[in-house]
Amino acid sequence: EALIERGLLLQRIAPHLVHPIRFLYPLRTPLVERLYVGAGMTLYDLFSWTGGRPPGVPHHRHLSRRQLARAMPDLRRDAFLGGLVYSDGQVDDARLVATIARTAVAYGAAVATRVRSDGFLVEDGAVVGVRARDLESGAALEIRARRVVVATGVWTDDTLEAAGAERSIRVRASKGVHLVVPRNRFRSKVGLLLRTEKSVLFVIPWGRHWLIGTTDTDWELDLAHPAATAADIDYLLAHVNAVLATPLTRDDVEGVYAGLRPLLAGESEETSKLSREHLVVHPLPGLVAIAGGKLTTYRVMGEDVIDAAAIGLDGVPASVTTDIPLVGADGYPAARNRRGRIARATGLAPDQIDRLLGRYGALVDDLAALIVERPELAATLPGTDYLGAEAVYAVTHEGALHLDDVLTRRTRISIETWDRGVAAAPVVAGLMGRTLGWDESRVEREIAAYHERVVAERASQDQPDDESADRVRLTARDVLDR
């Protein structure tokens, strides 16, 4: 299922956001391991054709020790006997989510950010809507619907408990931590996949950086702000250093980020052994819930839960999302062919246009028009590759309301710069303030809240355990609480 969806994303739904990437699986033992892993990758390749269309990426191939050295020159010479290279898809998850939301709006959906569900409207034992609060204005809302869908990830248990539903579904939060290091710290033409005693470790090319991750551990503390610990960072560095000729140190780490996977709870003690499948349930009349799953299969998850919610409703057609490209996908090949013309019109370098195409697809024309209208927005933000135009566009087209929306979600400035975006913060806040009508005190409040967040995150990453890291991370207040 995931491989079929990967093919759809690469070739039809989001070719501007999802790109092929090659990974090296190094071998430690002769013959048997090569046969065993090669057989698995052959099945992987075969499964990718089961959707009735090409997979969108090349099949795997075997490498000798000499070919391995050429593919990844800075791998330890004595670490491996050879390897296999296979292909997968790569995506910026935040870009994908924002683009999905914008596509939904283009087809008539209403999207409300910074609105919190405070409970359910129940009549005659059936759920008929939700009580909600606009966190920006404080206004209380009642939103009525023929069906309510709960898709709240790691908050699923809490949400269903608030509805008074029986626990037909249970979710465990698994913390995953990634490190960001500069691309020049070691040479490789491919990404890297390593087996660990608990799970797997990926080293992923990411623009001018490498992403190294991930961990897979239980998290039972604050769900909104999972915190990485010193132990998490040391674990990742130790495993990647076991195969690198020149080890990485904490000083090589530009950024660190942590997230939570909403895994279906099972009998396994370890979250790494829990299923990544999704489950749809009907806990109450009028209420449908979905939990589990993974990013690659998001479209199938949406199709399954909405089809389930639509049962018994008149006038709701079957899902057609297999054939609906996300905004920016239509016209993307033509936009790539026009990148020289776009570069001349905006004064940007061709590689900057390529980067914008990989983030916005055919919507790059919106950015170009903004730069032509306001040439000063072609300047890069301090310490980053991002343009001022991207910060403004995040507000005008992508729903950003606060400084950390831009620095941590609409862009990756908070993890891709040595100072975690502190130098860029005043510039971005100024651009946002001009667009949203902030006064001087509001601009300063946004900057102060972001600085407080950076200080708390850095300090939490020096703590030895989850409890200490969580306590330190929560010293930073949200901008709405200041």
Protein backbone atom coordinates (compact mmCIF):
# COMPACT_ATOMS: atom_id res chain seq x y z
CA GLU A 1 0.00 0.00 0.00
CA ALA A 2 2.77 2.44 0.92
CA LEU A 3 4.71 1.69 -2.27
CA ILE A 4 1.65 2.26 -4.44
CA GLU A 5 1.04 5.58 -2.69
CA ARG A 6 4.69 6.53 -3.10
CA GLY A 7 4.34 6.03 -6.86
CA LEU A 8 1.22 8.19 -6.94
CA LEU A 9 2.94 10.98 -5.02
CA LEU A 10 6.04 10.90 -7.19
CA GLN A 11 4.24 10.85 -10.53
CA ARG A 12 0.79 12.36 -10.14
CA ILE A 13 -0.21 13.86 -6.81
CA ALA A 14 2.87 15.82 -5.73
CA PRO A 15 5.81 15.49 -8.15
CA HIS A 16 6.95 18.99 -7.13
CA LEU A 17 7.23 18.01 -3.45
CA VAL A 18 8.18 14.31 -3.52
CA HIS A 19 11.48 13.41 -5.16
CA PRO A 20 13.40 10.14 -5.69
CA ILE A 21 16.36 9.54 -3.43
CA ARG A 22 18.91 6.71 -3.34
CA PHE A 23 19.92 4.89 -0.15
CA LEU A 24 22.87 2.64 0.54
CA TYR A 25 22.36 -0.49 2.62
CA PRO A 26 25.90 -1.61 3.56
CA LEU A 27 26.70 -5.30 4.13
CA ARG A 28 28.80 -6.63 6.98
CA THR A 29 28.94 -10.35 6.15
CA PRO A 30 29.63 -12.07 2.81
CA LEU A 31 27.14 -13.86 0.58
CA VAL A 32 24.36 -14.83 3.04
CA GLU A 33 23.50 -11.24 4.02
CA ARG A 34 23.72 -10.13 0.39
CA LEU A 35 21.31 -12.90 -0.68
CA TYR A 36 18.93 -12.26 2.21
CA VAL A 37 18.77 -8.45 1.87
CA GLY A 38 18.78 -8.69 -1.93
CA ALA A 39 15.74 -11.00 -1.82
CA GLY A 40 13.92 -8.52 0.41
CA MET A 41 14.70 -5.64 -1.93
CA THR A 42 13.56 -7.69 -4.92
CA LEU A 43 10.18 -8.13 -3.23
CA TYR A 44 10.19 -4.41 -2.43
CA ASP A 45 10.70 -3.64 -6.13
CA LEU A 46 7.98 -6.10 -7.18
CA PHE A 47 5.45 -4.69 -4.72
CA SER A 48 6.05 -1.21 -6.13
CA TRP A 49 4.47 -2.36 -9.43
CA THR A 50 1.28 -3.70 -7.85
CA GLY A 51 -0.59 -0.45 -8.42
CA GLY A 52 -0.60 -1.10 -12.14
CA ARG A 53 1.79 1.73 -12.97
CA PRO A 54 5.58 2.25 -12.93
CA PRO A 55 7.01 2.79 -9.42
CA GLY A 56 8.66 6.11 -10.30
CA VAL A 57 12.09 5.10 -8.96
CA PRO A 58 14.81 2.71 -10.21
CA HIS A 59 15.14 -0.84 -8.91
CA HIS A 60 17.83 -1.78 -6.41
CA ARG A 61 21.33 -2.82 -7.46
CA HIS A 62 24.32 -4.49 -5.83
CA LEU A 63 27.64 -2.77 -5.08
CA SER A 64 31.09 -4.27 -4.60
CA ARG A 65 33.41 -2.95 -1.89
CA ARG A 66 35.13 -0.71 -4.48
CA GLN A 67 31.81 0.65 -5.76
CA LEU A 68 30.75 1.23 -2.16
CA ALA A 69 33.86 3.34 -1.56
CA ARG A 70 33.09 5.45 -4.62
CA ALA A 71 29.45 5.94 -3.59
CA MET A 72 30.37 6.97 -0.03
CA PRO A 73 34.07 7.91 0.19
CA ASP A 74 33.98 8.82 3.88
CA LEU A 75 32.64 5.46 5.04
CA ARG A 76 35.11 3.49 7.15
CA ARG A 77 36.99 1.15 4.84
CA ASP A 78 36.90 -1.76 7.31
CA ALA A 79 33.22 -1.38 8.22
CA PHE A 80 31.58 -3.15 5.27
CA LEU A 81 32.19 -5.70 2.53
CA GLY A 82 29.87 -4.19 -0.05
CA GLY A 83 26.31 -3.00 -0.25
CA LEU A 84 23.04 -2.54 -2.06
CA VAL A 85 21.51 0.68 -3.33
CA TYR A 86 17.74 1.14 -3.45
CA SER A 87 15.53 4.11 -4.18
CA ASP A 88 12.72 5.72 -2.20
CA GLY A 89 10.85 9.02 -2.06
CA GLN A 90 11.74 12.11 -0.04
CA VAL A 91 9.39 14.88 1.07
CA ASP A 92 9.36 17.88 3.38
CA ASP A 93 6.44 16.80 5.56
CA ALA A 94 5.47 20.34 6.58
CA ARG A 95 5.33 21.48 2.94
CA LEU A 96 3.19 18.46 2.07
CA VAL A 97 0.72 19.08 4.90
CA ALA A 98 0.35 22.78 4.10
CA THR A 99 -0.14 21.98 0.41
CA ILE A 100 -2.78 19.34 1.17
CA ALA A 101 -4.68 21.92 3.24
CA ARG A 102 -4.47 24.50 0.44
CA THR A 103 -5.68 21.92 -2.08
CA ALA A 104 -8.67 21.12 0.14
CA VAL A 105 -9.50 24.83 0.34
CA ALA A 106 -9.30 25.07 -3.47
CA TYR A 107 -12.06 22.43 -3.60
CA GLY A 108 -14.31 24.13 -1.05
CA ALA A 109 -13.02 23.10 2.38
CA ALA A 110 -12.77 25.56 5.26
CA VAL A 111 -9.51 25.47 7.21
CA ALA A 112 -9.16 27.18 10.59
CA THR A 113 -5.76 27.40 12.26
CA ARG A 114 -5.30 28.15 15.97
CA VAL A 115 -8.80 26.83 16.71
CA ARG A 116 -9.05 24.28 19.52
CA SER A 117 -11.72 21.65 20.01
CA ASP A 118 -13.15 21.92 23.54
CA GLY A 119 -15.69 19.10 23.38
CA PHE A 120 -18.56 17.67 21.42
CA LEU A 121 -22.16 18.65 20.77
CA VAL A 122 -24.31 15.63 21.59
CA GLU A 123 -28.06 15.31 21.01
CA ASP A 124 -30.09 12.15 21.68
CA GLY A 125 -26.88 10.17 22.12
CA ALA A 126 -25.42 11.20 18.76
CA VAL A 127 -22.51 13.55 18.07
CA VAL A 128 -23.76 16.48 15.96
CA GLY A 129 -20.77 18.84 16.12
CA VAL A 130 -18.02 20.29 18.28
CA ARG A 131 -17.53 23.13 20.71
CA ALA A 132 -14.42 25.05 19.77
CA ARG A 133 -12.46 28.17 20.68
CA ASP A 134 -10.60 30.58 18.46
CA LEU A 135 -7.32 30.95 20.35
CA GLU A 136 -6.54 34.24 18.60
CA SER A 137 -9.70 36.10 19.61
CA GLY A 138 -10.95 33.91 22.43
CA ALA A 139 -14.32 33.55 20.71
CA ALA A 140 -16.33 30.40 21.49
CA LEU A 141 -17.72 28.54 18.49
CA GLU A 142 -20.30 25.81 17.88
CA ILE A 143 -19.64 23.91 14.66
CA ARG A 144 -22.40 21.54 13.55
CA ALA A 145 -22.00 18.72 11.04
CA ARG A 146 -23.71 15.57 9.81
CA ARG A 147 -20.57 13.64 10.80
CA VAL A 148 -17.57 14.49 12.96
CA VAL A 149 -14.19 12.90 12.24
CA VAL A 150 -11.54 12.60 14.94
CA ALA A 151 -8.07 12.66 13.37
CA THR A 152 -6.06 13.93 16.31
CA GLY A 153 -2.99 11.68 16.26
CA VAL A 154 -1.35 11.34 19.66
CA TRP A 155 -4.36 13.12 21.23
CA THR A 156 -6.80 10.44 20.03
CA ASP A 157 -7.32 8.82 23.44
CA ASP A 158 -7.97 12.19 25.11
CA THR A 159 -10.36 13.27 22.35
CA LEU A 160 -12.46 10.12 22.48
CA GLU A 161 -12.53 10.21 26.28
CA ALA A 162 -13.94 13.75 26.07
CA ALA A 163 -16.73 12.38 23.86
CA GLY A 164 -17.57 9.71 26.43
CA ALA A 165 -16.76 6.98 23.92
CA GLU A 166 -15.68 3.50 24.87
CA ARG A 167 -11.99 2.84 24.28
CA SER A 168 -12.19 0.86 21.06
CA ILE A 169 -8.85 2.30 19.99
CA ARG A 170 -5.70 3.08 21.94
CA VAL A 171 -2.68 5.09 20.81
CA ARG A 172 0.87 5.15 22.12
CA ALA A 173 3.12 8.12 21.41
CA SER A 174 6.56 7.19 20.10
CA LYS A 175 9.22 9.90 20.13
CA GLY A 176 11.47 10.25 17.11
CA VAL A 177 14.52 12.54 17.15
CA HIS A 178 16.58 13.74 14.17
CA LEU A 179 19.87 15.62 13.98
CA VAL A 180 20.76 18.13 11.27
CA VAL A 181 24.44 18.39 10.29
CA PRO A 182 26.14 20.25 7.42
CA ARG A 183 26.46 18.33 4.16
CA ASN A 184 30.21 18.98 4.04
CA ARG A 185 30.92 16.98 7.21
CA PHE A 186 31.24 13.79 5.13
CA ARG A 187 31.13 12.88 1.45
CA SER A 188 28.49 10.62 -0.05
CA LYS A 189 26.50 10.45 -3.26
CA VAL A 190 23.67 8.56 -1.56
CA GLY A 191 21.76 8.37 1.69
CA LEU A 192 22.50 5.64 4.21
CA LEU A 193 20.38 3.00 5.97
CA LEU A 194 21.84 1.22 9.00
CA ARG A 195 20.34 -1.43 11.23
CA THR A 196 20.54 -0.77 14.98
CA GLU A 197 19.78 -2.99 17.94
CA LYS A 198 16.33 -1.34 18.22
CA SER A 199 15.30 -0.24 14.75
CA VAL A 200 16.94 1.40 11.74
CA LEU A 201 18.94 4.58 11.30
CA PHE A 202 18.71 6.81 8.22
CA VAL A 203 21.22 9.38 7.02
CA ILE A 204 19.29 11.47 4.50
CA PRO A 205 20.57 14.18 2.10
CA TRP A 206 18.60 17.37 2.78
CA GLY A 207 19.75 20.29 0.64
CA ARG A 208 22.95 21.61 2.21
CA HIS A 209 22.45 19.31 5.19
CA TRP A 210 22.20 15.70 6.34
CA LEU A 211 19.31 14.46 8.46
CA ILE A 212 20.33 11.70 10.89
CA GLY A 213 17.61 9.74 12.63
CA THR A 214 15.56 8.45 14.13
CA THR A 215 14.97 7.24 17.66
CA ASP A 216 11.85 5.26 18.59
CA THR A 217 10.99 5.49 22.29
CA ASP A 218 7.86 5.83 24.43
CA TRP A 219 6.81 9.37 25.34
CA GLU A 220 4.26 9.95 28.10
CA LEU A 221 4.85 13.63 28.84
CA ASP A 222 3.68 16.87 27.16
CA LEU A 223 2.32 15.90 23.74
CA ALA A 224 2.56 19.35 22.19
CA HIS A 225 6.29 19.77 22.79
CA PRO A 226 8.27 16.50 22.73
CA ALA A 227 11.84 17.18 23.77
CA ALA A 228 15.10 15.63 22.61
CA THR A 229 17.59 14.71 25.33
CA ALA A 230 21.37 14.48 25.45
CA ALA A 231 20.94 10.69 25.47
CA ASP A 232 18.94 10.83 22.22
CA ILE A 233 21.63 12.90 20.52
CA ASP A 234 24.45 10.70 21.80
CA TYR A 235 22.60 7.57 20.62
CA LEU A 236 22.33 8.89 17.06
CA LEU A 237 25.91 10.15 16.95
CA ALA A 238 27.27 6.86 18.30
CA HIS A 239 25.54 4.78 15.63
CA VAL A 240 26.50 6.96 12.69
CA ASN A 241 30.05 7.38 13.97
CA ALA A 242 30.47 3.60 14.00
CA VAL A 243 30.61 3.69 10.19
CA LEU A 244 32.22 7.08 9.44
CA ALA A 245 35.96 7.51 8.90
CA THR A 246 35.86 10.87 10.70
CA PRO A 247 33.40 10.86 13.62
CA LEU A 248 30.86 13.63 14.16
CA THR A 249 30.71 15.52 17.45
CA ARG A 250 28.06 17.61 19.20
CA ASP A 251 29.77 20.66 17.67
CA ASP A 252 28.77 19.41 14.20
CA VAL A 253 25.07 19.42 15.05
CA GLU A 254 23.28 22.43 13.55
CA GLY A 255 19.79 21.50 14.60
CA VAL A 256 17.75 18.93 16.51
CA TYR A 257 14.06 18.20 16.26
CA ALA A 258 11.67 15.76 17.89
CA GLY A 259 8.22 14.55 16.88
CA LEU A 260 5.67 11.98 18.00
CA ARG A 261 4.30 9.03 16.05
CA PRO A 262 0.71 8.03 16.96
CA LEU A 263 1.07 4.24 16.96
CA LEU A 264 -1.75 1.80 17.59
CA ALA A 265 -1.14 0.33 21.03
CA GLY A 266 -0.44 -3.40 21.18
CA GLU A 267 1.12 -6.06 23.33
CA SER A 268 4.68 -5.11 22.39
CA GLU A 269 6.78 -3.44 25.06
CA GLU A 270 8.77 -1.48 22.46
CA THR A 271 7.22 1.19 20.23
CA SER A 272 9.62 0.18 17.44
CA LYS A 273 7.71 -3.13 17.21
CA LEU A 274 4.23 -1.57 17.03
CA SER A 275 2.29 -1.54 13.76
CA ARG A 276 2.32 1.47 11.43
CA GLU A 277 -1.11 0.42 10.11
CA HIS A 278 -4.16 2.68 10.55
CA LEU A 279 -7.56 1.83 11.98
CA VAL A 280 -10.99 3.43 11.48
CA VAL A 281 -13.68 3.03 14.17
CA HIS A 282 -17.22 4.31 14.92
CA PRO A 283 -17.12 4.94 18.69
CA LEU A 284 -20.46 6.83 18.82
CA PRO A 285 -23.32 7.63 16.43
CA GLY A 286 -22.22 10.56 14.27
CA LEU A 287 -18.55 10.14 15.24
CA VAL A 288 -15.79 8.42 13.26
CA ALA A 289 -12.17 8.18 14.38
CA ILE A 290 -8.91 7.22 12.68
CA ALA A 291 -5.60 6.46 14.36
CA GLY A 292 -2.21 5.04 13.50
CA GLY A 293 -0.82 5.11 9.98
CA LYS A 294 2.14 6.90 8.46
CA LEU A 295 2.75 9.91 6.24
CA THR A 296 3.23 7.95 3.02
CA THR A 297 -0.29 6.51 3.25
CA TYR A 298 -2.02 9.73 4.29
CA ARG A 299 -4.23 9.73 1.16
CA VAL A 300 -5.51 6.18 1.76
CA MET A 301 -6.15 7.08 5.40
CA GLY A 302 -8.20 10.10 4.35
CA GLU A 303 -10.11 8.06 1.80
CA ASP A 304 -10.89 5.30 4.31
CA VAL A 305 -12.09 7.57 7.10
CA ILE A 306 -14.20 9.88 4.91
CA ASP A 307 -15.77 6.95 3.06
CA ALA A 308 -16.62 5.48 6.46
CA ALA A 309 -18.05 8.79 7.67
CA ALA A 310 -20.17 9.13 4.52
CA ILE A 311 -21.99 5.82 4.97
CA GLY A 312 -25.71 6.59 5.17
CA LEU A 313 -25.35 10.17 3.94
CA ASP A 314 -27.03 11.12 0.69
CA GLY A 315 -25.15 12.98 -2.00
CA VAL A 316 -21.59 12.10 -0.94
CA PRO A 317 -19.67 10.57 -3.86
CA ALA A 318 -16.81 8.10 -3.60
CA SER A 319 -13.29 9.43 -3.15
CA VAL A 320 -11.40 10.48 -6.29
CA THR A 321 -8.16 11.61 -4.62
CA THR A 322 -6.06 9.12 -6.58
CA ASP A 323 -6.55 11.42 -9.56
CA ILE A 324 -6.36 14.84 -7.89
CA PRO A 325 -2.94 16.55 -7.96
CA LEU A 326 -2.05 18.91 -5.14
CA VAL A 327 -1.81 22.62 -5.87
CA GLY A 328 1.49 23.35 -7.60
CA ALA A 329 1.63 19.97 -9.34
CA ASP A 330 -0.31 20.96 -12.46
CA GLY A 331 2.06 22.87 -14.70
CA TYR A 332 5.15 21.87 -12.70
CA PRO A 333 7.08 20.41 -15.69
CA ALA A 334 6.33 23.55 -17.71
CA ALA A 335 7.44 25.74 -14.81
CA ARG A 336 10.75 23.85 -14.69
CA ASN A 337 11.21 24.56 -18.40
CA ARG A 338 10.64 28.27 -17.70
CA ARG A 339 13.07 28.53 -14.81
CA GLY A 340 15.59 30.54 -16.85
CA ARG A 341 12.93 33.10 -17.74
CA ILE A 342 11.76 33.25 -14.09
CA ALA A 343 15.36 33.79 -12.96
CA ARG A 344 15.81 36.71 -15.35
CA ALA A 345 12.50 38.31 -14.32
CA THR A 346 13.28 38.11 -10.59
CA GLY A 347 17.05 38.53 -10.59
CA LEU A 348 17.43 35.23 -8.72
CA ALA A 349 20.08 32.62 -9.51
CA PRO A 350 18.96 29.44 -11.33
CA ASP A 351 19.69 27.28 -8.27
CA GLN A 352 17.40 29.53 -6.20
CA ILE A 353 14.62 28.98 -8.74
CA ASP A 354 15.21 25.21 -8.55
CA ARG A 355 14.87 25.35 -4.76
CA LEU A 356 11.61 27.33 -5.04
CA LEU A 357 10.27 24.85 -7.62
CA GLY A 358 10.93 22.04 -5.13
CA ARG A 359 8.88 23.85 -2.48
CA TYR A 360 6.06 25.45 -4.47
CA GLY A 361 5.95 23.76 -7.89
CA ALA A 362 4.01 25.77 -10.46
CA LEU A 363 3.06 28.21 -7.68
CA VAL A 364 6.58 29.61 -8.07
CA ASP A 365 4.89 32.19 -10.31
CA ASP A 366 3.20 33.61 -7.19
CA LEU A 367 6.59 34.10 -5.55
CA ALA A 368 8.04 35.59 -8.74
CA ALA A 369 5.16 38.11 -8.99
CA LEU A 370 5.71 39.11 -5.36
CA ILE A 371 9.42 39.71 -6.00
CA VAL A 372 8.77 41.71 -9.17
CA GLU A 373 6.35 43.89 -7.18
CA ARG A 374 8.70 44.19 -4.16
CA PRO A 375 12.31 43.55 -5.30
CA GLU A 376 13.64 43.78 -1.74
CA LEU A 377 11.94 40.43 -1.03
CA ALA A 378 14.51 38.68 -3.28
CA ALA A 379 17.06 39.05 -0.46
CA THR A 380 17.82 35.93 1.57
CA LEU A 381 16.97 35.88 5.26
CA PRO A 382 20.04 36.07 7.57
CA GLY A 383 21.95 32.79 7.75
CA THR A 384 19.56 30.93 5.44
CA ASP A 385 18.75 30.08 1.83
CA TYR A 386 15.16 31.29 2.26
CA LEU A 387 13.91 34.48 0.65
CA GLY A 388 12.02 37.32 2.27
CA ALA A 389 9.27 36.59 -0.25
CA GLU A 390 8.77 33.16 1.30
CA ALA A 391 8.09 34.68 4.72
CA VAL A 392 5.50 37.07 3.26
CA TYR A 393 3.93 34.31 1.15
CA ALA A 394 3.61 32.11 4.27
CA VAL A 395 1.35 34.81 5.71
CA THR A 396 -0.62 35.78 2.59
CA HIS A 397 -1.19 32.27 1.20
CA GLU A 398 -0.33 29.67 3.86
CA GLY A 399 -2.08 30.81 7.02
CA ALA A 400 0.96 31.74 9.14
CA LEU A 401 -0.13 33.91 12.09
CA HIS A 402 2.96 33.94 14.32
CA LEU A 403 6.72 34.12 13.98
CA ASP A 404 7.29 30.49 14.98
CA ASP A 405 4.78 29.41 12.30
CA VAL A 406 7.22 30.70 9.67
CA LEU A 407 10.53 29.79 11.31
CA THR A 408 9.61 26.25 12.39
CA ARG A 409 6.82 25.07 10.06
CA ARG A 410 6.48 27.02 6.81
CA THR A 411 10.28 26.94 6.60
CA ARG A 412 12.95 24.88 8.40
CA ILE A 413 14.99 27.86 9.57
CA SER A 414 14.75 26.75 13.22
CA ILE A 415 16.73 23.57 12.54
CA GLU A 416 18.80 24.47 9.48
CA THR A 417 20.82 27.35 10.95
CA TRP A 418 23.52 27.33 13.60
CA ASP A 419 21.70 29.94 15.70
CA ARG A 420 18.32 28.16 15.28
CA GLY A 421 16.90 31.19 13.46
CA VAL A 422 17.67 33.87 16.05
CA ALA A 423 19.32 36.20 13.48
CA ALA A 424 16.46 35.74 11.00
CA ALA A 425 13.74 36.30 13.61
CA PRO A 426 13.73 40.14 13.63
CA VAL A 427 13.72 40.33 9.83
CA VAL A 428 10.88 37.79 9.49
CA ALA A 429 8.90 39.44 12.29
CA GLY A 430 9.24 42.79 10.51
CA LEU A 431 7.99 41.34 7.23
CA MET A 432 5.10 39.59 8.96
CA GLY A 433 4.25 42.71 10.95
CA ARG A 434 3.98 44.81 7.79
CA THR A 435 1.67 42.21 6.25
CA LEU A 436 -0.49 41.53 9.32
CA GLY A 437 -0.52 45.08 10.69
CA TRP A 438 1.45 44.42 13.89
CA ASP A 439 2.59 47.35 15.98
CA GLU A 440 6.09 47.62 17.46
CA SER A 441 5.18 45.94 20.75
CA ARG A 442 3.61 42.97 18.94
CA VAL A 443 6.75 42.51 16.82
CA GLU A 444 8.92 42.56 19.95
CA ARG A 445 6.61 40.10 21.72
CA GLU A 446 6.82 37.63 18.82
CA ILE A 447 10.64 37.86 18.76
CA ALA A 448 10.89 37.45 22.54
CA ALA A 449 8.63 34.36 22.47
CA TYR A 450 10.73 32.78 19.73
CA HIS A 451 14.01 33.49 21.55
CA GLU A 452 12.55 31.93 24.70
CA ARG A 453 11.63 28.83 22.70
CA VAL A 454 15.15 28.49 21.27
CA VAL A 455 16.76 28.85 24.70
CA ALA A 456 14.43 26.23 26.20
CA GLU A 457 14.97 23.76 23.33
CA ARG A 458 18.76 24.11 23.52
CA ALA A 459 18.72 23.62 27.28
CA SER A 460 16.41 20.60 27.05
CA GLN A 461 18.86 18.92 24.66
CA ASP A 462 21.50 18.98 27.41
CA GLN A 463 19.27 17.08 29.85
CA PRO A 464 19.91 13.39 30.60
CA ASP A 465 16.33 12.06 30.47
CA ASP A 466 12.83 12.74 29.15
CA GLU A 467 11.46 14.10 32.43
CA SER A 468 14.22 16.69 32.77
CA ALA A 469 14.05 17.66 29.11
CA ASP A 470 10.26 18.04 29.25
CA ARG A 471 10.45 20.23 32.35
CA VAL A 472 13.04 22.53 30.77
CA ARG A 473 11.27 22.71 27.38
CA LEU A 474 8.00 23.78 29.03
CA THR A 475 9.63 26.86 30.56
CA ALA A 476 9.08 28.54 27.19
CA ARG A 477 5.62 30.11 26.96
CA ASP A 478 3.56 30.16 23.80
CA VAL A 479 3.25 33.61 22.26
CA LEU A 480 -0.48 33.62 23.02
CA ASP A 481 0.29 33.15 26.73
CA ARG A 482 2.63 36.16 26.98
